[in-house]
Protein backbone atom coordinates (compact mmCIF):
# COMPACT_ATOMS: atom_id res chain seq x y z
CA MET A 1 117.58 75.00 65.54
CA VAL A 2 115.84 78.23 66.52
CA PRO A 3 112.96 77.48 68.93
CA ARG A 4 109.62 78.64 67.57
CA VAL A 5 107.51 79.64 70.57
CA LEU A 6 103.80 80.44 70.67
CA MET A 7 102.91 82.25 73.88
CA LEU A 8 99.51 82.90 75.43
CA GLY A 9 98.97 86.09 77.40
CA TRP A 10 96.19 88.15 78.90
CA GLY A 11 97.35 91.79 78.98
CA PHE A 12 100.30 93.62 77.46
CA PRO A 13 101.94 96.88 78.58
CA PRO A 14 100.56 99.44 79.05
CA ASN A 15 97.30 97.46 79.34
CA VAL A 16 98.28 95.38 82.36
CA SER A 17 96.32 93.93 85.26
CA GLY A 18 99.28 92.56 87.20
CA GLY A 19 102.83 91.27 87.20
CA LEU A 20 102.07 88.41 84.80
CA ASP A 21 101.21 90.87 82.02
CA THR A 22 104.34 92.91 82.72
CA ALA A 23 106.52 89.79 82.62
CA VAL A 24 105.01 88.58 79.33
CA GLY A 25 105.50 92.01 77.78
CA GLU A 26 109.12 92.23 78.90
CA LEU A 27 109.90 88.74 77.59
CA VAL A 28 108.25 89.23 74.21
CA ASP A 29 110.05 92.54 73.72
CA ARG A 30 113.42 90.92 74.52
CA PHE A 31 112.74 87.91 72.28
CA ASP A 32 111.95 90.27 69.41
CA THR A 33 115.53 91.59 69.43
CA ARG A 34 117.13 88.13 69.21
CA ASP A 35 117.88 85.74 66.38
CA ASP A 36 118.05 82.59 68.55
CA VAL A 37 114.31 82.43 69.28
CA ALA A 38 111.14 83.24 67.33
CA VAL A 39 108.05 84.15 69.34
CA GLU A 40 104.42 84.87 68.58
CA LEU A 41 101.92 85.99 71.21
CA VAL A 42 98.16 85.44 71.29
CA LEU A 43 95.96 87.43 73.70
CA PRO A 44 92.54 89.11 73.86
CA ALA A 45 92.24 91.78 71.18
CA GLU A 46 91.29 94.58 73.57
CA TYR A 47 94.67 94.35 75.32
CA ALA A 48 96.85 93.71 72.26
CA PRO A 49 99.21 96.43 71.01
CA GLU A 50 98.79 97.63 67.46
CA GLY A 51 101.36 97.28 64.71
CA ARG A 52 103.16 94.19 66.02
CA GLU A 53 103.16 91.47 63.37
CA ASN A 54 103.94 88.68 65.82
CA ILE A 55 101.26 89.68 68.36
CA HIS A 56 97.78 88.41 67.52
CA GLY A 57 94.75 89.94 69.23
CA VAL A 58 91.69 87.71 69.19
CA PRO A 59 88.22 89.12 70.02
CA THR A 60 86.89 87.41 73.15
CA GLY A 61 83.69 89.31 73.96
CA ASP A 62 82.25 89.57 77.45
CA GLY A 63 82.49 87.16 80.35
CA ASP A 64 84.98 85.95 82.92
CA VAL A 65 88.61 85.11 82.18
CA SER A 66 87.96 81.42 81.57
CA THR A 67 85.08 82.07 79.17
CA ARG A 68 87.01 84.64 77.16
CA ILE A 69 90.20 82.56 76.94
CA ASN A 70 88.19 79.56 75.75
CA ARG A 71 86.87 81.71 72.89
CA LEU A 72 90.38 82.28 71.58
CA ALA A 73 91.54 78.69 72.13
CA GLY A 74 90.69 77.61 68.58
CA GLU A 75 92.81 80.33 66.99
CA PHE A 76 95.60 79.66 69.48
CA VAL A 77 95.64 76.01 68.39
CA ASP A 78 95.74 77.10 64.74
CA TYR A 79 98.76 79.35 65.37
CA ALA A 80 100.42 76.47 67.26
CA ALA A 81 100.69 74.40 64.07
CA ASP A 82 104.08 75.99 63.34
CA ALA A 83 105.34 76.07 66.94
CA ASP A 84 107.92 73.87 68.63
CA ILE A 85 106.83 75.09 72.06
CA VAL A 86 103.54 76.50 73.34
CA HIS A 87 104.06 78.60 76.46
CA THR A 88 101.08 79.49 78.63
CA HIS A 89 100.82 81.23 81.99
CA ASP A 90 98.92 80.35 85.16
CA TRP A 91 95.64 78.45 85.33
CA PHE A 92 93.83 80.24 82.50
CA GLY A 93 96.18 78.72 79.93
CA TYR A 94 94.99 75.16 80.52
CA GLY A 95 92.41 74.97 77.72
CA PRO A 96 94.49 76.46 74.88
CA GLY A 97 97.71 74.81 76.07
CA SER A 98 96.32 71.31 76.47
CA ARG A 99 94.49 71.50 73.14
CA ALA A 100 97.60 72.69 71.31
CA GLN A 101 99.65 69.91 72.95
CA ALA A 102 97.12 67.28 71.88
CA THR A 103 96.74 68.62 68.34
CA HIS A 104 100.34 69.34 67.36
CA ASP A 105 103.80 67.99 67.96
CA ALA A 106 104.69 70.79 70.36
CA GLU A 107 106.01 70.86 73.90
CA TRP A 108 103.70 72.57 76.38
CA VAL A 109 105.37 74.83 78.94
CA THR A 110 103.44 76.64 81.67
CA THR A 111 104.80 79.39 83.90
CA PHE A 112 103.19 79.78 87.30
CA HIS A 113 103.41 83.39 88.42
CA SER A 114 101.22 82.53 91.40
CA LEU A 115 98.81 79.82 92.53
CA THR A 116 95.13 80.24 93.27
CA THR A 117 95.97 79.67 96.94
CA ASP A 118 98.11 82.80 96.75
CA ARG A 119 95.34 84.91 95.25
CA ASN A 120 92.31 83.68 97.19
CA ARG A 121 91.47 83.13 100.82
CA GLN A 122 89.04 80.42 99.66
CA PRO A 123 90.39 79.22 96.30
CA PRO A 124 87.70 78.36 93.74
CA ASP A 125 87.50 74.61 93.16
CA ARG A 126 87.68 75.16 89.40
CA GLU A 127 91.04 76.92 89.64
CA VAL A 128 92.47 74.33 92.05
CA GLU A 129 91.40 71.49 89.77
CA THR A 130 92.73 73.28 86.69
CA GLU A 131 96.13 73.90 88.28
CA GLN A 132 96.35 70.22 89.19
CA ARG A 133 95.57 69.27 85.59
CA ILE A 134 98.30 71.60 84.35
CA VAL A 135 100.85 70.10 86.72
CA ASP A 136 99.82 66.61 85.62
CA ARG A 137 99.71 67.28 81.86
CA ALA A 138 102.14 70.05 80.93
CA ASP A 139 105.50 68.88 79.61
CA GLU A 140 107.44 71.46 81.62
CA LEU A 141 106.71 73.91 84.43
CA ILE A 142 108.42 77.18 85.27
CA ALA A 143 108.03 79.02 88.60
CA VAL A 144 108.91 82.70 89.00
CA SER A 145 110.49 82.08 92.42
CA ASP A 146 111.57 79.36 94.82
CA LEU A 147 108.53 80.33 96.89
CA VAL A 148 106.20 79.42 94.01
CA ARG A 149 108.15 76.22 93.27
CA ARG A 150 107.77 75.07 96.89
CA ASN A 151 104.06 75.77 96.77
CA ILE A 152 103.67 73.74 93.56
CA VAL A 153 105.39 70.80 95.27
CA HIS A 154 103.23 71.19 98.39
CA GLU A 155 99.86 71.77 96.70
CA TYR A 156 100.11 69.54 93.63
CA GLY A 157 103.08 67.22 93.97
CA GLY A 158 104.80 68.66 90.90
CA ASP A 159 108.11 70.40 90.42
CA ALA A 160 109.23 73.32 88.31
CA ARG A 161 112.30 75.06 86.96
CA VAL A 162 112.80 78.39 88.74
CA VAL A 163 113.34 81.38 86.47
CA HIS A 164 113.04 84.55 88.52
CA ASN A 165 111.42 87.58 86.96
CA GLY A 166 113.54 90.52 85.95
CA PHE A 167 113.66 93.88 87.68
CA SER A 168 111.29 96.32 86.05
CA SER A 169 112.10 99.98 86.53
CA VAL A 170 109.99 103.12 86.48
CA GLU A 171 110.84 106.65 85.33
CA PRO A 172 109.85 109.64 87.48
CA THR A 173 108.95 112.84 85.66
CA GLY A 174 109.71 115.16 88.57
CA ARG A 175 106.21 115.54 90.00
CA ASP A 176 106.21 115.89 93.77
CA LEU A 177 103.21 113.85 94.86
CA LYS A 178 104.02 114.50 98.48
CA ALA A 179 103.53 118.22 97.93
CA GLU A 180 100.47 117.72 95.71
CA LEU A 181 98.81 115.63 98.43
CA ASP A 182 99.89 118.13 101.12
CA ILE A 183 101.83 115.53 103.12
CA ASP A 184 104.20 117.01 105.72
CA GLY A 185 105.49 113.82 107.40
CA PRO A 186 106.67 110.52 105.90
CA MET A 187 104.75 109.24 102.87
CA LEU A 188 104.07 105.51 102.78
CA PHE A 189 102.96 104.15 99.41
CA PHE A 190 101.16 101.00 98.33
CA VAL A 191 99.89 100.16 94.86
CA GLY A 192 98.12 97.01 93.78
CA ARG A 193 94.76 95.30 93.58
CA HIS A 194 92.54 95.80 96.62
CA THR A 195 92.10 92.11 97.38
CA ASP A 196 92.57 89.85 100.39
CA GLN A 197 95.91 88.64 99.00
CA LYS A 198 97.49 92.09 99.33
CA GLY A 199 97.00 92.37 103.11
CA ILE A 200 96.02 96.04 102.94
CA SER A 201 93.84 95.96 106.06
CA HIS A 202 96.89 94.88 108.11
CA LEU A 203 98.81 97.85 106.71
CA ILE A 204 96.02 100.29 107.59
CA TYR A 205 95.84 98.91 111.13
CA ALA A 206 99.65 99.17 111.40
CA LEU A 207 99.36 102.90 110.69
CA SER A 208 97.64 103.34 114.07
CA LYS A 209 100.56 101.63 115.82
CA LEU A 210 103.52 103.58 114.42
CA ARG A 211 105.84 105.44 116.74
CA ARG A 212 105.55 108.35 114.31
CA ALA A 213 102.04 109.76 114.24
CA ASP A 214 102.70 112.02 111.26
CA ALA A 215 102.98 109.32 108.56
CA THR A 216 100.48 109.31 105.67
CA LEU A 217 99.59 106.17 103.74
CA VAL A 218 98.86 106.68 100.03
CA LEU A 219 96.89 103.74 98.64
CA GLY A 220 96.97 103.29 94.87
CA GLY A 221 94.84 100.81 92.99
CA THR A 222 91.26 99.60 93.19
CA GLY A 223 89.42 96.36 93.77
CA HIS A 224 86.43 94.70 95.33
CA LEU A 225 87.66 95.63 98.83
CA THR A 226 88.12 99.37 98.23
CA GLU A 227 84.88 100.51 99.90
CA GLU A 228 85.41 98.09 102.78
CA LEU A 229 88.92 99.47 103.30
CA LYS A 230 87.56 103.02 103.34
CA GLU A 231 85.08 102.00 106.04
CA PHE A 232 87.94 100.44 108.03
CA VAL A 233 89.92 103.68 107.79
CA ASP A 234 86.89 105.58 109.05
CA LEU A 235 86.38 103.10 111.90
CA LEU A 236 90.00 103.59 113.03
CA ASP A 237 89.63 107.39 112.69
CA LEU A 238 92.56 107.52 110.25
CA ASN A 239 90.94 109.60 107.52
CA ASP A 240 93.57 112.33 107.89
CA GLN A 241 96.38 109.79 107.44
CA VAL A 242 95.16 107.72 104.47
CA GLU A 243 94.80 108.93 100.88
CA PHE A 244 92.96 106.72 98.36
CA VAL A 245 94.25 107.83 94.95
CA GLY A 246 92.60 105.11 92.84
CA TYR A 247 94.11 103.56 89.74
CA VAL A 248 97.59 104.93 89.06
CA PRO A 249 98.40 105.04 85.30
CA GLU A 250 101.73 103.45 84.44
CA PRO A 251 103.37 106.79 83.37
CA GLU A 252 102.63 108.22 86.84
CA LEU A 253 103.94 105.29 88.87
CA GLY A 254 107.53 106.54 88.92
CA ASP A 255 106.53 109.81 90.59
CA TYR A 256 104.50 108.03 93.26
CA TYR A 257 107.35 105.66 94.09
CA ALA A 258 109.95 108.45 94.03
CA SER A 259 107.85 110.79 96.19
CA ALA A 260 107.36 108.14 98.88
CA ASP A 261 109.66 107.66 101.85
CA LEU A 262 108.74 103.97 101.90
CA PHE A 263 106.95 101.48 99.70
CA VAL A 264 105.07 98.91 101.77
CA SER A 265 103.98 95.51 100.43
CA PRO A 266 102.12 93.58 103.17
CA SER A 267 100.84 90.72 101.00
CA LEU A 268 99.68 87.45 102.44
CA ALA A 269 101.37 85.94 99.38
CA GLU A 270 103.75 87.70 96.97
CA PRO A 271 105.09 85.07 94.57
CA PHE A 272 107.50 87.60 93.06
CA GLY A 273 106.63 91.24 93.69
CA ILE A 274 107.39 93.46 90.71
CA THR A 275 106.21 96.50 92.69
CA ILE A 276 109.07 95.86 95.14
CA VAL A 277 111.76 96.18 92.50
CA GLU A 278 109.97 99.10 90.83
CA ALA A 279 110.20 101.00 94.12
CA LEU A 280 113.86 100.11 94.56
CA SER A 281 114.60 101.30 91.01
CA VAL A 282 114.03 104.92 92.11
CA GLY A 283 115.83 104.48 95.43
CA THR A 284 112.77 104.12 97.66
CA ARG A 285 113.11 101.80 100.62
CA VAL A 286 110.80 98.81 100.88
CA VAL A 287 109.02 97.06 103.72
CA ALA A 288 107.52 93.76 102.56
CA SER A 289 106.31 90.36 103.60
CA GLU A 290 107.98 87.26 102.16
CA SER A 291 108.41 87.62 98.41
CA GLY A 292 110.13 86.03 95.46
CA ALA A 293 111.93 89.29 94.70
CA ALA A 294 113.77 89.10 98.03
CA GLU A 295 115.36 85.83 96.86
CA VAL A 296 117.48 87.77 94.36
CA LEU A 297 118.16 90.83 96.53
CA PRO A 298 120.67 91.40 99.36
CA ASP A 299 119.23 90.76 102.83
CA ASP A 300 119.44 94.43 103.81
CA CYS A 301 117.58 95.67 100.73
CA VAL A 302 114.09 94.89 102.01
CA VAL A 303 112.85 95.06 105.60
CA GLU A 304 110.94 91.77 105.78
CA VAL A 305 107.84 91.58 107.97
CA GLU A 306 105.04 89.19 108.81
CA THR A 307 101.56 90.01 107.54
CA ASP A 308 100.25 91.33 110.84
CA SER A 309 99.89 94.92 111.98
CA ASP A 310 102.46 94.80 114.81
CA SER A 311 105.20 93.38 112.58
CA ILE A 312 104.38 95.82 109.76
CA ALA A 313 104.45 98.79 112.16
CA ASP A 314 107.82 97.69 113.55
CA GLY A 315 109.18 97.27 110.01
CA ILE A 316 108.00 100.71 108.95
CA ASP A 317 109.57 102.31 112.03
CA GLU A 318 112.84 100.46 111.34
CA ALA A 319 112.92 101.45 107.67
CA LEU A 320 112.10 105.11 108.36
CA ALA A 321 115.08 105.26 110.72
CA ALA A 322 117.51 103.65 108.23
CA ASP A 323 120.04 105.83 106.43
CA THR A 324 122.36 103.35 104.68
CA PRO A 325 122.39 103.47 100.86
CA LEU A 326 120.49 100.86 98.90
CA GLU A 327 122.88 98.66 96.92
CA TYR A 328 121.92 95.68 94.80
CA GLU A 329 122.64 94.12 91.43
CA GLU A 330 119.80 94.50 88.97
CA ARG A 331 118.46 91.30 87.44
CA THR A 332 117.81 92.31 83.86
CA TRP A 333 115.06 91.05 81.60
CA GLU A 334 117.82 90.21 79.10
CA THR A 335 119.08 87.68 81.66
CA VAL A 336 115.55 86.31 82.07
CA ALA A 337 115.25 85.97 78.28
CA ASP A 338 118.64 84.20 78.16
CA GLU A 339 117.46 81.66 80.73
CA HIS A 340 114.19 81.05 78.89
CA VAL A 341 115.94 80.49 75.56
CA ALA A 342 118.40 78.10 77.20
CA PHE A 343 115.47 76.20 78.73
CA TYR A 344 113.64 76.03 75.39
CA GLU A 345 116.78 74.66 73.73
CA GLU A 346 117.22 72.11 76.52
CA ILE A 347 113.63 70.94 76.10
CA LEU A 348 113.98 70.49 72.34
CA GLU A 349 117.26 68.60 72.68
CA GLU A 350 115.76 65.96 74.97
């Protein structure tokens, strides 16, 4: 029996807002090449790719994530009529997933890419309550790392099957961003949302504590903390050492990673960390706080630090002095797809 899977997403490459969208895109693309699984994907129309018969974009209008997802829930339930498994992701999938489970004879699987406690210093009550409902009601849970699985146990008393994400790679085009930005010393790179979760203020403060005073930090991405971070840079008198480059389009990411001497990920919580493996894919060393990606990498591949400025500064100094080659075995998205299909088959056999 070929599992028929209906998946719910939010974004789809190149229209991505984070690692969840990248993971969904990679999985759907791999499933499309196989004959042992059939997948359809439902997501907001404005992020849906054109010309894909099994990807259904549903207009959702304006509003927050919850409001917009609820507007597509009815169509999601309709598509679920032919599904053996409905597969949602994170807290926003509760409404469509639970309704499809109640309406049809389908197993409901939810993947947690992160928890609201990872993303928020003060998690919204609505998201906490919704995650608890998912843990209580979903038939099966998947976590993208042991770190996420442990947090599900701790926060909600549930358990999950761990299926680590795959290693996404990026392709440089040959642009020398270091030269374009007129950087003479080491280039440190960060890209991601400018939110509390990402620990960027600790990284900026660490810049003032490095043994090397000629390092420049290039900050990619935007978010609600961008202006506050710029004020912090000004307060520390680091304007000559920090470059805010804004949103980095996906085709340009490879050149930023490749031009950097180090990629630094100082997150307070990094349930997996696709940016970590993207940096490694072009041979750029990584300094990072605890992450799910490190669980499937050799110990010497990432210099692990605590999310405080002293530890980050020490890690950067250590990584800049390293000269051993980076060696690791890539975890492919084909392997991730294999493990998902095996899990789907296991669920349907029970």
